[in-house]
């Protein structure tokens, strides 16, 4: 009975992963079409919570970004607002839409098949980091490029603050550099805008955090 249950559980999980993958494959087709139609707001018409697109070259990360009134809804709902265990990539509700904050925070699930933010754990390998250190974010009709400078796992929540004073930002960035489990040569200052990608780990109380700075 135990073997039958295990096989059944695996098949159900495979079905869920496949369904989630199909959802975002369809959205990528819409996004590509939108790129060729500058007057089109196709993704906003599908979901008014849509605010941008996140991508990292040669990785699984290539997703729409949404923002809700809290940080709970898109943990269990996809881009179409349907229940989905893979959720969506979403911006912290405290980040301000009209102007990018000092620390823009994006969340996504650490999926076992590498989808959503499941590939972020690869950044703990310096060779992987070296090949995938640039992050692109399309936001408010602008294209931003970021360079990763810090990667680590943590149980604290210091990284969750989207708003810092200049002095606080300076101290915070120094802490992020020191915490990094991957040593980079990227220099950051309190004037830099930071993009933070956050996902869960096998430890319920731990998070894997990736920080990148906006390239001038």
N, C-alpha and C. Protein backbone atom coordinates (compact mmCIF):
# COMPACT_ATOMS: atom_id res chain seq x y z
N UNK A 1 0.83 -1.21 0.00
CA UNK A 1 0.00 0.00 0.00
C UNK A 1 0.86 1.26 0.00
N UNK A 2 1.97 1.22 0.78
CA UNK A 2 2.84 2.38 0.86
C UNK A 2 3.44 2.72 -0.49
N UNK A 3 3.86 1.69 -1.24
CA UNK A 3 4.45 1.90 -2.56
C UNK A 3 3.42 2.48 -3.51
N UNK A 4 2.20 1.95 -3.47
CA UNK A 4 1.12 2.45 -4.34
C UNK A 4 0.84 3.91 -4.03
N UNK A 5 0.79 4.24 -2.73
CA UNK A 5 0.52 5.64 -2.34
C UNK A 5 1.63 6.56 -2.83
N UNK A 6 2.90 6.11 -2.71
CA UNK A 6 4.03 6.93 -3.12
C UNK A 6 3.99 7.20 -4.62
N UNK A 7 3.73 6.16 -5.40
CA UNK A 7 3.66 6.33 -6.85
C UNK A 7 2.52 7.26 -7.22
N UNK A 8 1.37 7.09 -6.56
CA UNK A 8 0.21 7.94 -6.82
C UNK A 8 0.53 9.39 -6.49
N UNK A 9 1.22 9.61 -5.37
CA UNK A 9 1.58 10.97 -4.95
C UNK A 9 2.52 11.62 -5.96
N UNK A 10 3.49 10.84 -6.45
CA UNK A 10 4.43 11.36 -7.46
C UNK A 10 3.69 11.76 -8.73
N UNK A 11 2.77 10.93 -9.17
CA UNK A 11 2.01 11.21 -10.40
C UNK A 11 1.16 12.47 -10.25
N UNK A 12 0.55 12.64 -9.08
CA UNK A 12 -0.26 13.83 -8.83
C UNK A 12 0.62 15.08 -8.86
N UNK A 13 1.80 15.00 -8.21
CA UNK A 13 2.71 16.15 -8.20
C UNK A 13 3.18 16.48 -9.61
N UNK A 14 3.48 15.45 -10.41
CA UNK A 14 3.91 15.68 -11.79
C UNK A 14 2.81 16.39 -12.57
N UNK A 15 1.58 16.01 -12.33
CA UNK A 15 0.44 16.64 -13.00
C UNK A 15 0.35 18.12 -12.64
N UNK A 16 0.53 18.44 -11.35
CA UNK A 16 0.46 19.84 -10.91
C UNK A 16 1.59 20.66 -11.53
N UNK A 17 2.79 20.10 -11.54
CA UNK A 17 3.93 20.81 -12.12
C UNK A 17 3.70 21.07 -13.61
N UNK A 18 3.18 20.06 -14.30
CA UNK A 18 2.92 20.20 -15.74
C UNK A 18 1.87 21.28 -16.00
N UNK A 19 0.82 21.29 -15.20
CA UNK A 19 -0.24 22.29 -15.38
C UNK A 19 0.28 23.70 -15.13
N UNK A 20 1.09 23.87 -14.09
CA UNK A 20 1.66 25.18 -13.79
C UNK A 20 2.58 25.64 -14.91
N UNK A 21 3.39 24.72 -15.44
CA UNK A 21 4.30 25.06 -16.54
C UNK A 21 3.52 25.53 -17.76
N UNK A 22 2.41 24.87 -18.07
CA UNK A 22 1.59 25.25 -19.23
C UNK A 22 1.02 26.65 -19.07
N UNK A 23 0.63 27.01 -17.84
CA UNK A 23 0.08 28.35 -17.57
C UNK A 23 1.08 29.41 -17.98
N UNK A 24 2.33 29.26 -17.55
CA UNK A 24 3.31 30.30 -17.80
C UNK A 24 3.89 30.24 -19.21
N UNK A 25 3.84 29.09 -19.85
CA UNK A 25 4.22 29.02 -21.26
C UNK A 25 3.25 29.87 -22.09
N UNK A 26 1.97 29.79 -21.76
CA UNK A 26 0.97 30.59 -22.46
C UNK A 26 1.16 32.07 -22.24
N UNK A 27 1.51 32.45 -21.02
CA UNK A 27 1.71 33.87 -20.71
C UNK A 27 2.93 34.41 -21.45
N UNK A 28 3.98 33.59 -21.59
CA UNK A 28 5.16 34.02 -22.33
C UNK A 28 4.82 34.31 -23.78
N UNK A 29 3.91 33.53 -24.35
CA UNK A 29 3.48 33.78 -25.73
C UNK A 29 2.77 35.13 -25.83
N UNK A 30 1.95 35.45 -24.84
CA UNK A 30 1.26 36.74 -24.81
C UNK A 30 2.28 37.87 -24.66
N UNK A 31 3.27 37.67 -23.80
CA UNK A 31 4.31 38.68 -23.56
C UNK A 31 5.09 38.96 -24.84
N UNK A 32 5.44 37.89 -25.57
CA UNK A 32 6.17 38.05 -26.82
C UNK A 32 5.34 38.83 -27.83
N UNK A 33 4.05 38.52 -27.92
CA UNK A 33 3.15 39.24 -28.82
C UNK A 33 3.07 40.71 -28.42
N UNK A 34 3.02 40.97 -27.13
CA UNK A 34 2.92 42.34 -26.64
C UNK A 34 4.15 43.15 -27.01
N UNK A 35 5.33 42.52 -27.03
CA UNK A 35 6.57 43.21 -27.37
C UNK A 35 6.54 43.75 -28.79
N UNK A 36 5.77 43.09 -29.66
CA UNK A 36 5.68 43.52 -31.04
C UNK A 36 4.51 44.48 -31.28
N UNK A 37 3.81 44.81 -30.23
CA UNK A 37 2.68 45.72 -30.33
C UNK A 37 2.79 46.74 -29.20
N UNK A 38 3.49 47.86 -29.46
CA UNK A 38 3.80 48.83 -28.41
C UNK A 38 2.56 49.49 -27.83
N UNK A 39 1.44 49.45 -28.55
CA UNK A 39 0.21 50.07 -28.04
C UNK A 39 -0.63 49.09 -27.23
N UNK A 40 -0.14 47.89 -27.11
CA UNK A 40 -0.93 46.84 -26.47
C UNK A 40 -0.61 46.72 -24.98
N UNK A 41 -1.64 46.45 -24.19
CA UNK A 41 -1.49 46.17 -22.76
C UNK A 41 -2.12 44.81 -22.48
N UNK A 42 -1.69 43.83 -23.25
CA UNK A 42 -2.33 42.51 -23.19
C UNK A 42 -2.28 41.89 -21.80
N UNK A 43 -1.13 41.96 -21.15
CA UNK A 43 -1.00 41.32 -19.85
C UNK A 43 -1.78 42.06 -18.77
N UNK A 44 -1.85 43.38 -18.88
CA UNK A 44 -2.65 44.16 -17.93
C UNK A 44 -4.13 43.85 -18.11
N UNK A 45 -4.53 43.57 -19.34
CA UNK A 45 -5.93 43.22 -19.58
C UNK A 45 -6.29 41.87 -18.96
N UNK A 46 -5.31 40.99 -18.90
CA UNK A 46 -5.53 39.68 -18.28
C UNK A 46 -5.56 39.81 -16.76
N UNK A 47 -4.64 40.59 -16.23
CA UNK A 47 -4.53 40.75 -14.77
C UNK A 47 -4.06 42.17 -14.46
N UNK A 48 -4.91 42.95 -13.83
CA UNK A 48 -4.57 44.34 -13.51
C UNK A 48 -3.46 44.44 -12.47
N UNK A 49 -3.12 43.34 -11.82
CA UNK A 49 -2.01 43.34 -10.86
C UNK A 49 -0.65 43.23 -11.54
N UNK A 50 -0.65 43.02 -12.86
CA UNK A 50 0.61 42.90 -13.60
C UNK A 50 1.38 44.21 -13.56
N UNK A 51 2.67 44.14 -13.21
CA UNK A 51 3.49 45.36 -13.15
C UNK A 51 4.78 45.26 -13.95
N UNK A 52 5.18 44.08 -14.37
CA UNK A 52 6.44 43.99 -15.11
C UNK A 52 6.82 42.56 -15.44
N UNK A 53 8.04 42.42 -15.97
CA UNK A 53 8.52 41.10 -16.38
C UNK A 53 9.95 40.91 -15.89
N UNK A 54 10.20 39.76 -15.27
CA UNK A 54 11.52 39.43 -14.72
C UNK A 54 12.14 38.31 -15.54
N UNK A 55 13.42 38.45 -15.88
CA UNK A 55 14.09 37.38 -16.62
C UNK A 55 15.58 37.35 -16.29
N UNK A 56 16.13 36.15 -16.33
CA UNK A 56 17.57 35.93 -16.19
C UNK A 56 17.97 35.00 -17.32
N UNK A 57 18.85 35.46 -18.18
CA UNK A 57 19.22 34.71 -19.37
C UNK A 57 19.72 33.30 -19.08
N UNK A 58 19.30 32.34 -19.91
CA UNK A 58 19.72 30.94 -19.81
C UNK A 58 19.35 30.30 -18.48
N UNK A 59 18.25 30.75 -17.88
CA UNK A 59 17.73 30.12 -16.67
C UNK A 59 16.23 29.90 -16.83
N UNK A 60 15.62 29.28 -15.83
CA UNK A 60 14.17 29.06 -15.84
C UNK A 60 13.41 30.35 -15.54
N UNK A 61 14.10 31.36 -15.03
CA UNK A 61 13.41 32.57 -14.58
C UNK A 61 13.07 33.47 -15.76
N UNK A 62 11.80 33.51 -16.10
CA UNK A 62 11.28 34.30 -17.22
C UNK A 62 9.78 34.42 -17.00
N UNK A 63 9.40 35.36 -16.12
CA UNK A 63 8.03 35.39 -15.62
C UNK A 63 7.46 36.80 -15.50
N UNK A 64 6.13 36.89 -15.57
CA UNK A 64 5.47 38.16 -15.25
C UNK A 64 5.57 38.41 -13.75
N UNK A 65 5.56 39.68 -13.38
CA UNK A 65 5.59 40.07 -11.96
C UNK A 65 4.28 40.76 -11.63
N UNK A 66 3.69 40.38 -10.51
CA UNK A 66 2.43 40.98 -10.07
C UNK A 66 2.63 41.60 -8.69
N UNK A 67 1.66 42.43 -8.29
CA UNK A 67 1.68 43.02 -6.95
C UNK A 67 0.25 43.10 -6.43
N UNK A 68 0.05 42.60 -5.23
CA UNK A 68 -1.27 42.59 -4.61
C UNK A 68 -1.29 43.51 -3.40
N UNK A 69 -2.37 43.48 -2.65
CA UNK A 69 -2.50 44.33 -1.45
C UNK A 69 -1.87 43.67 -0.24
N UNK A 70 -1.36 42.44 -0.41
CA UNK A 70 -0.65 41.76 0.67
C UNK A 70 0.36 40.79 0.06
N UNK A 71 1.12 40.12 0.91
CA UNK A 71 2.12 39.17 0.42
C UNK A 71 1.64 37.72 0.55
N UNK A 72 0.34 37.53 0.59
CA UNK A 72 -0.22 36.19 0.77
C UNK A 72 -0.91 35.63 -0.47
N UNK A 73 -1.65 36.47 -1.17
CA UNK A 73 -2.52 35.97 -2.24
C UNK A 73 -1.76 35.17 -3.29
N UNK A 74 -0.65 35.74 -3.80
CA UNK A 74 0.04 35.09 -4.90
C UNK A 74 0.98 33.97 -4.47
N UNK A 75 0.97 33.65 -3.18
CA UNK A 75 1.66 32.44 -2.75
C UNK A 75 0.91 31.19 -3.22
N UNK A 76 -0.39 31.34 -3.43
CA UNK A 76 -1.22 30.18 -3.79
C UNK A 76 -2.10 30.43 -5.02
N UNK A 77 -1.83 31.51 -5.75
CA UNK A 77 -2.59 31.80 -6.97
C UNK A 77 -1.63 32.16 -8.09
N UNK A 78 -1.95 31.73 -9.31
CA UNK A 78 -1.10 32.05 -10.45
C UNK A 78 -1.49 33.38 -11.08
N UNK A 79 -0.89 33.66 -12.24
CA UNK A 79 -1.10 34.95 -12.90
C UNK A 79 -2.57 35.19 -13.24
N UNK A 80 -3.31 34.11 -13.48
CA UNK A 80 -4.73 34.23 -13.81
C UNK A 80 -5.61 34.29 -12.57
N UNK A 81 -4.98 34.35 -11.41
CA UNK A 81 -5.66 34.40 -10.11
C UNK A 81 -6.40 33.10 -9.80
N UNK A 82 -5.96 32.03 -10.45
CA UNK A 82 -6.49 30.71 -10.15
C UNK A 82 -5.63 30.03 -9.09
N UNK A 83 -6.23 29.19 -8.27
CA UNK A 83 -5.47 28.46 -7.26
C UNK A 83 -4.39 27.62 -7.94
N UNK A 84 -3.18 27.74 -7.43
CA UNK A 84 -2.05 27.05 -8.06
C UNK A 84 -0.94 26.94 -7.02
N UNK A 85 -0.48 25.73 -6.77
CA UNK A 85 0.53 25.56 -5.71
C UNK A 85 1.86 26.21 -6.06
N UNK A 86 2.09 26.53 -7.35
CA UNK A 86 3.31 27.20 -7.76
C UNK A 86 3.23 28.71 -7.54
N UNK A 87 2.02 29.23 -7.38
CA UNK A 87 1.85 30.65 -7.13
C UNK A 87 2.30 31.50 -8.31
N UNK A 88 2.85 32.68 -7.99
CA UNK A 88 3.33 33.62 -9.00
C UNK A 88 4.55 34.33 -8.45
N UNK A 89 5.27 35.02 -9.32
CA UNK A 89 6.34 35.91 -8.88
C UNK A 89 5.69 37.24 -8.55
N UNK A 90 5.88 37.71 -7.32
CA UNK A 90 5.18 38.94 -6.93
C UNK A 90 6.08 39.90 -6.16
N UNK A 91 5.78 41.19 -6.32
CA UNK A 91 6.51 42.25 -5.63
C UNK A 91 5.90 42.49 -4.26
N UNK A 92 6.74 42.80 -3.30
CA UNK A 92 6.27 43.12 -1.95
C UNK A 92 5.22 44.23 -2.03
N UNK A 93 4.13 44.05 -1.32
CA UNK A 93 3.02 45.01 -1.39
C UNK A 93 3.43 46.39 -0.89
N UNK A 94 4.51 46.49 -0.12
CA UNK A 94 4.95 47.78 0.41
C UNK A 94 5.79 48.57 -0.58
N UNK A 95 6.29 47.92 -1.62
CA UNK A 95 7.03 48.65 -2.64
C UNK A 95 6.09 49.58 -3.39
N UNK A 96 6.58 50.75 -3.73
CA UNK A 96 5.75 51.78 -4.35
C UNK A 96 5.80 51.64 -5.87
N UNK A 97 4.64 51.57 -6.48
CA UNK A 97 4.53 51.35 -7.91
C UNK A 97 5.09 52.50 -8.75
N UNK A 98 4.83 53.74 -8.33
CA UNK A 98 5.16 54.90 -9.16
C UNK A 98 6.66 55.15 -9.26
N UNK A 99 7.42 54.65 -8.30
CA UNK A 99 8.86 54.89 -8.30
C UNK A 99 9.54 53.72 -7.60
N UNK A 100 10.56 53.16 -8.22
CA UNK A 100 11.23 52.01 -7.62
C UNK A 100 11.92 52.42 -6.32
N UNK A 101 11.71 51.66 -5.26
CA UNK A 101 12.29 51.95 -3.96
C UNK A 101 13.77 51.59 -3.92
N UNK A 102 14.41 51.90 -2.79
CA UNK A 102 15.81 51.53 -2.59
C UNK A 102 15.99 50.02 -2.59
N UNK A 103 14.97 49.32 -2.14
CA UNK A 103 15.04 47.86 -2.09
C UNK A 103 13.74 47.27 -2.63
N UNK A 104 13.77 46.84 -3.88
CA UNK A 104 12.61 46.23 -4.52
C UNK A 104 12.66 44.73 -4.25
N UNK A 105 11.62 44.20 -3.62
CA UNK A 105 11.62 42.80 -3.18
C UNK A 105 10.64 41.97 -4.00
N UNK A 106 11.14 40.88 -4.57
CA UNK A 106 10.30 39.95 -5.34
C UNK A 106 10.35 38.58 -4.68
N UNK A 107 9.19 37.93 -4.61
CA UNK A 107 9.08 36.62 -3.99
C UNK A 107 8.64 35.57 -5.01
N UNK A 108 9.08 34.34 -4.80
CA UNK A 108 8.65 33.23 -5.64
C UNK A 108 8.95 31.91 -4.95
N UNK A 109 8.18 30.88 -5.26
CA UNK A 109 8.38 29.58 -4.63
C UNK A 109 9.63 28.88 -5.16
N UNK A 110 10.24 28.09 -4.30
CA UNK A 110 11.38 27.25 -4.65
C UNK A 110 10.85 25.90 -5.12
N UNK A 111 10.47 25.83 -6.39
CA UNK A 111 9.84 24.62 -6.92
C UNK A 111 10.89 23.53 -7.20
N UNK A 112 10.52 22.29 -6.93
CA UNK A 112 11.46 21.18 -7.06
C UNK A 112 11.90 20.95 -8.50
N UNK A 113 11.07 21.34 -9.47
CA UNK A 113 11.44 21.14 -10.87
C UNK A 113 12.27 22.30 -11.41
N UNK A 114 12.63 23.26 -10.55
CA UNK A 114 13.46 24.38 -10.97
C UNK A 114 12.68 25.57 -11.49
N UNK A 115 11.36 25.45 -11.57
CA UNK A 115 10.54 26.56 -12.06
C UNK A 115 10.38 27.63 -10.98
N UNK A 116 9.73 28.72 -11.33
CA UNK A 116 9.57 29.87 -10.45
C UNK A 116 10.95 30.29 -9.94
N UNK A 117 11.18 30.34 -8.61
CA UNK A 117 12.50 30.69 -8.10
C UNK A 117 13.30 29.45 -7.69
N UNK A 118 12.96 28.30 -8.25
CA UNK A 118 13.63 27.06 -7.90
C UNK A 118 15.09 27.01 -8.32
N UNK A 119 15.50 27.84 -9.28
CA UNK A 119 16.89 27.83 -9.73
C UNK A 119 17.78 28.78 -8.95
N UNK A 120 17.22 29.57 -8.03
CA UNK A 120 18.04 30.53 -7.28
C UNK A 120 19.10 29.84 -6.43
N UNK A 121 18.82 28.63 -5.96
CA UNK A 121 19.80 27.92 -5.13
C UNK A 121 21.10 27.66 -5.89
N UNK A 122 21.04 27.67 -7.21
CA UNK A 122 22.24 27.45 -8.01
C UNK A 122 23.26 28.57 -7.83
N UNK A 123 22.79 29.74 -7.38
CA UNK A 123 23.69 30.87 -7.20
C UNK A 123 24.66 30.68 -6.04
N UNK A 124 24.48 29.65 -5.24
CA UNK A 124 25.45 29.34 -4.19
C UNK A 124 26.71 28.71 -4.78
N UNK A 125 26.67 28.40 -6.06
CA UNK A 125 27.83 27.89 -6.81
C UNK A 125 28.45 29.06 -7.57
N UNK A 126 29.71 29.36 -7.31
CA UNK A 126 30.36 30.53 -7.91
C UNK A 126 30.42 30.43 -9.43
N UNK A 127 30.56 29.22 -9.97
CA UNK A 127 30.62 29.07 -11.43
C UNK A 127 29.27 29.42 -12.06
N UNK A 128 28.20 28.98 -11.42
CA UNK A 128 26.86 29.32 -11.92
C UNK A 128 26.65 30.83 -11.83
N UNK A 129 27.02 31.40 -10.70
CA UNK A 129 26.89 32.85 -10.53
C UNK A 129 27.60 33.60 -11.65
N UNK A 130 28.81 33.19 -11.96
CA UNK A 130 29.62 33.89 -12.96
C UNK A 130 28.96 33.92 -14.33
N UNK A 131 28.16 32.89 -14.62
CA UNK A 131 27.50 32.79 -15.93
C UNK A 131 26.12 33.43 -15.97
N UNK A 132 25.55 33.73 -14.78
CA UNK A 132 24.16 34.22 -14.73
C UNK A 132 24.01 35.39 -13.76
N UNK A 133 24.94 36.30 -13.76
CA UNK A 133 24.95 37.36 -12.75
C UNK A 133 24.05 38.55 -13.08
N UNK A 134 23.51 38.61 -14.29
CA UNK A 134 22.68 39.74 -14.71
C UNK A 134 21.19 39.39 -14.66
N UNK A 135 20.41 40.32 -14.12
CA UNK A 135 18.96 40.16 -14.01
C UNK A 135 18.29 41.30 -14.76
N UNK A 136 17.26 40.99 -15.53
CA UNK A 136 16.52 42.03 -16.25
C UNK A 136 15.11 42.16 -15.67
N UNK A 137 14.70 43.40 -15.49
CA UNK A 137 13.36 43.69 -14.99
C UNK A 137 12.73 44.78 -15.85
N UNK A 138 11.63 44.42 -16.52
CA UNK A 138 10.87 45.42 -17.28
C UNK A 138 9.79 45.96 -16.35
N UNK A 139 9.80 47.28 -16.15
CA UNK A 139 8.90 47.88 -15.17
C UNK A 139 8.53 49.28 -15.62
N UNK A 140 7.22 49.58 -15.65
CA UNK A 140 6.76 50.93 -16.03
C UNK A 140 7.33 51.36 -17.38
N UNK A 141 7.32 50.44 -18.35
CA UNK A 141 7.79 50.70 -19.71
C UNK A 141 9.28 51.01 -19.78
N UNK A 142 10.03 50.69 -18.73
CA UNK A 142 11.48 50.85 -18.72
C UNK A 142 12.14 49.49 -18.54
N UNK A 143 13.32 49.34 -19.12
CA UNK A 143 14.09 48.11 -18.97
C UNK A 143 15.25 48.37 -18.02
N UNK A 144 15.29 47.63 -16.93
CA UNK A 144 16.35 47.77 -15.94
C UNK A 144 17.21 46.51 -15.94
N UNK A 145 18.51 46.71 -15.73
CA UNK A 145 19.42 45.57 -15.62
C UNK A 145 20.16 45.66 -14.29
N UNK A 146 20.22 44.53 -13.59
CA UNK A 146 20.85 44.46 -12.28
C UNK A 146 21.98 43.45 -12.30
N UNK A 147 22.95 43.65 -11.40
CA UNK A 147 24.06 42.70 -11.26
C UNK A 147 24.08 42.17 -9.83
N UNK A 148 24.11 40.85 -9.71
CA UNK A 148 24.05 40.20 -8.40
C UNK A 148 25.35 40.42 -7.63
N UNK A 149 25.21 40.78 -6.34
CA UNK A 149 26.39 40.99 -5.50
C UNK A 149 26.37 40.20 -4.20
N UNK A 150 25.23 39.59 -3.85
CA UNK A 150 25.15 38.86 -2.59
C UNK A 150 24.14 37.73 -2.69
N UNK A 151 24.53 36.56 -2.18
CA UNK A 151 23.65 35.38 -2.15
C UNK A 151 23.87 34.67 -0.82
N UNK A 152 22.79 34.37 -0.12
CA UNK A 152 22.95 33.70 1.18
C UNK A 152 21.62 33.12 1.65
N UNK A 153 21.71 32.23 2.63
CA UNK A 153 20.51 31.73 3.31
C UNK A 153 20.47 32.36 4.70
N UNK A 154 19.26 32.60 5.19
CA UNK A 154 19.12 33.29 6.47
C UNK A 154 17.79 32.96 7.13
N UNK A 155 17.75 33.13 8.43
CA UNK A 155 16.49 32.99 9.18
C UNK A 155 16.01 34.34 9.69
N UNK A 156 16.81 35.39 9.50
CA UNK A 156 16.34 36.72 9.94
C UNK A 156 15.58 37.41 8.82
N UNK A 157 15.03 38.58 9.11
CA UNK A 157 14.17 39.28 8.15
C UNK A 157 14.65 40.70 7.83
N UNK A 158 15.94 40.98 8.07
CA UNK A 158 16.46 42.32 7.81
C UNK A 158 16.30 42.72 6.35
N UNK A 159 16.36 41.75 5.46
CA UNK A 159 16.30 42.01 4.03
C UNK A 159 14.91 42.45 3.56
N UNK A 160 13.90 42.34 4.43
CA UNK A 160 12.51 42.56 4.01
C UNK A 160 12.07 44.02 4.02
N UNK A 161 12.94 44.94 4.38
CA UNK A 161 12.56 46.35 4.45
C UNK A 161 12.78 47.02 3.09
N UNK A 162 11.72 47.51 2.44
CA UNK A 162 11.89 48.17 1.14
C UNK A 162 12.35 49.62 1.24
N UNK A 163 12.31 50.19 2.44
CA UNK A 163 12.61 51.62 2.60
C UNK A 163 13.74 51.82 3.60
N UNK A 164 14.81 52.48 3.16
CA UNK A 164 15.95 52.76 4.04
C UNK A 164 16.35 54.22 3.91
N UNK A 165 16.82 54.81 5.02
CA UNK A 165 17.48 56.11 4.93
C UNK A 165 18.87 55.85 4.36
N UNK A 166 19.57 56.91 3.94
CA UNK A 166 20.89 56.74 3.32
C UNK A 166 21.86 56.03 4.25
N UNK A 167 21.87 56.44 5.53
CA UNK A 167 22.80 55.82 6.48
C UNK A 167 22.42 54.37 6.75
N UNK A 168 21.13 54.14 6.91
CA UNK A 168 20.66 52.76 7.12
C UNK A 168 21.01 51.89 5.93
N UNK A 169 20.84 52.46 4.74
CA UNK A 169 21.14 51.71 3.52
C UNK A 169 22.63 51.36 3.47
N UNK A 170 23.48 52.29 3.86
CA UNK A 170 24.92 52.04 3.84
C UNK A 170 25.28 50.87 4.76
N UNK A 171 24.74 50.90 5.97
CA UNK A 171 25.01 49.82 6.93
C UNK A 171 24.42 48.50 6.46
N UNK A 172 23.23 48.59 5.89
CA UNK A 172 22.54 47.39 5.41
C UNK A 172 23.32 46.72 4.29
N UNK A 173 23.81 47.50 3.35
CA UNK A 173 24.54 46.94 2.22
C UNK A 173 25.84 46.27 2.67
N UNK A 174 26.50 46.88 3.65
CA UNK A 174 27.72 46.28 4.18
C UNK A 174 27.42 44.92 4.79
N UNK A 175 26.31 44.84 5.48
CA UNK A 175 25.89 43.58 6.08
C UNK A 175 25.61 42.53 5.00
N UNK A 176 24.94 42.95 3.92
CA UNK A 176 24.61 42.02 2.84
C UNK A 176 25.87 41.48 2.17
N UNK A 177 26.85 42.34 1.98
CA UNK A 177 28.11 41.90 1.38
C UNK A 177 28.82 40.88 2.27
N UNK A 178 28.83 41.16 3.58
CA UNK A 178 29.50 40.26 4.52
C UNK A 178 28.78 38.92 4.64
N UNK A 179 27.46 38.94 4.49
CA UNK A 179 26.68 37.70 4.61
C UNK A 179 26.81 36.78 3.41
N UNK A 180 27.18 37.33 2.28
CA UNK A 180 27.15 36.56 1.04
C UNK A 180 28.00 35.30 1.13
N UNK A 181 27.43 34.19 0.70
CA UNK A 181 28.13 32.92 0.66
C UNK A 181 28.89 32.74 -0.65
N UNK A 182 28.71 33.70 -1.55
CA UNK A 182 29.45 33.73 -2.81
C UNK A 182 30.16 35.08 -2.88
N UNK A 183 31.46 35.07 -2.98
CA UNK A 183 32.22 36.31 -2.98
C UNK A 183 32.28 36.88 -4.40
N UNK A 184 31.83 38.12 -4.54
CA UNK A 184 31.82 38.78 -5.84
C UNK A 184 32.69 40.04 -5.77
N UNK A 185 32.97 40.60 -6.93
CA UNK A 185 33.75 41.84 -6.97
C UNK A 185 32.87 43.05 -7.29
N UNK A 186 31.56 42.88 -7.11
CA UNK A 186 30.61 43.96 -7.41
C UNK A 186 30.57 44.94 -6.24
N UNK A 187 30.82 46.21 -6.51
CA UNK A 187 30.81 47.23 -5.48
C UNK A 187 29.43 47.88 -5.40
N UNK A 188 28.94 48.10 -4.18
CA UNK A 188 27.64 48.74 -3.98
C UNK A 188 27.80 49.91 -3.02
N UNK A 189 26.97 50.94 -3.23
CA UNK A 189 26.97 52.11 -2.34
C UNK A 189 25.54 52.41 -1.92
N UNK A 190 25.40 53.34 -0.97
CA UNK A 190 24.07 53.70 -0.49
C UNK A 190 23.21 54.37 -1.55
N UNK A 191 23.83 54.80 -2.65
CA UNK A 191 23.08 55.43 -3.74
C UNK A 191 22.48 54.40 -4.70
N UNK A 192 22.91 53.16 -4.58
CA UNK A 192 22.43 52.12 -5.49
C UNK A 192 21.03 51.65 -5.13
N UNK A 193 20.25 51.34 -6.16
CA UNK A 193 18.96 50.70 -5.95
C UNK A 193 19.16 49.20 -5.97
N UNK A 194 18.53 48.51 -5.04
CA UNK A 194 18.74 47.07 -4.88
C UNK A 194 17.49 46.29 -5.27
N UNK A 195 17.71 45.19 -5.99
CA UNK A 195 16.66 44.23 -6.29
C UNK A 195 16.92 42.99 -5.44
N UNK A 196 15.91 42.57 -4.69
CA UNK A 196 16.03 41.41 -3.81
C UNK A 196 15.08 40.31 -4.28
N UNK A 197 15.63 39.13 -4.53
CA UNK A 197 14.82 37.96 -4.88
C UNK A 197 14.84 37.02 -3.68
N UNK A 198 13.67 36.60 -3.24
CA UNK A 198 13.57 35.77 -2.03
C UNK A 198 12.75 34.52 -2.30
N UNK A 199 13.23 33.40 -1.77
CA UNK A 199 12.50 32.15 -1.90
C UNK A 199 12.73 31.29 -0.65
N UNK A 200 11.96 30.24 -0.52
CA UNK A 200 12.06 29.36 0.65
C UNK A 200 13.15 28.31 0.42
N UNK A 201 13.47 27.57 1.48
CA UNK A 201 14.40 26.44 1.39
C UNK A 201 13.70 25.23 2.02
N UNK A 202 14.44 24.15 2.19
CA UNK A 202 13.85 22.96 2.81
C UNK A 202 13.55 23.20 4.29
N UNK A 203 14.19 24.21 4.86
CA UNK A 203 13.93 24.61 6.25
C UNK A 203 12.82 25.66 6.24
N UNK A 204 11.71 25.39 6.89
CA UNK A 204 10.55 26.30 6.87
C UNK A 204 10.88 27.70 7.37
N UNK A 205 11.87 27.82 8.25
CA UNK A 205 12.20 29.12 8.84
C UNK A 205 13.32 29.83 8.10
N UNK A 206 13.83 29.21 7.06
CA UNK A 206 14.99 29.77 6.35
C UNK A 206 14.58 30.28 4.97
N UNK A 207 15.27 31.32 4.50
CA UNK A 207 15.04 31.85 3.17
C UNK A 207 16.36 31.95 2.41
N UNK A 208 16.28 31.76 1.11
CA UNK A 208 17.43 31.98 0.24
C UNK A 208 17.24 33.35 -0.40
N UNK A 209 18.23 34.21 -0.25
CA UNK A 209 18.12 35.59 -0.71
C UNK A 209 19.19 35.91 -1.74
N UNK A 210 18.79 36.56 -2.81
CA UNK A 210 19.71 37.04 -3.85
C UNK A 210 19.52 38.54 -3.98
N UNK A 211 20.63 39.30 -3.85
CA UNK A 211 20.57 40.75 -3.99
C UNK A 211 21.35 41.18 -5.23
N UNK A 212 20.81 42.14 -5.96
CA UNK A 212 21.49 42.68 -7.14
C UNK A 212 21.34 44.19 -7.15
N UNK A 213 22.33 44.87 -7.72
CA UNK A 213 22.26 46.33 -7.78
C UNK A 213 21.94 46.79 -9.19
N UNK A 214 21.24 47.90 -9.28
CA UNK A 214 20.90 48.47 -10.58
C UNK A 214 22.16 48.98 -11.26
N UNK A 215 22.35 48.58 -12.50
CA UNK A 215 23.51 49.02 -13.26
C UNK A 215 23.23 50.38 -13.88
N UNK A 216 24.16 51.27 -13.78
CA UNK A 216 23.99 52.62 -14.29
C UNK A 216 24.07 52.63 -15.81
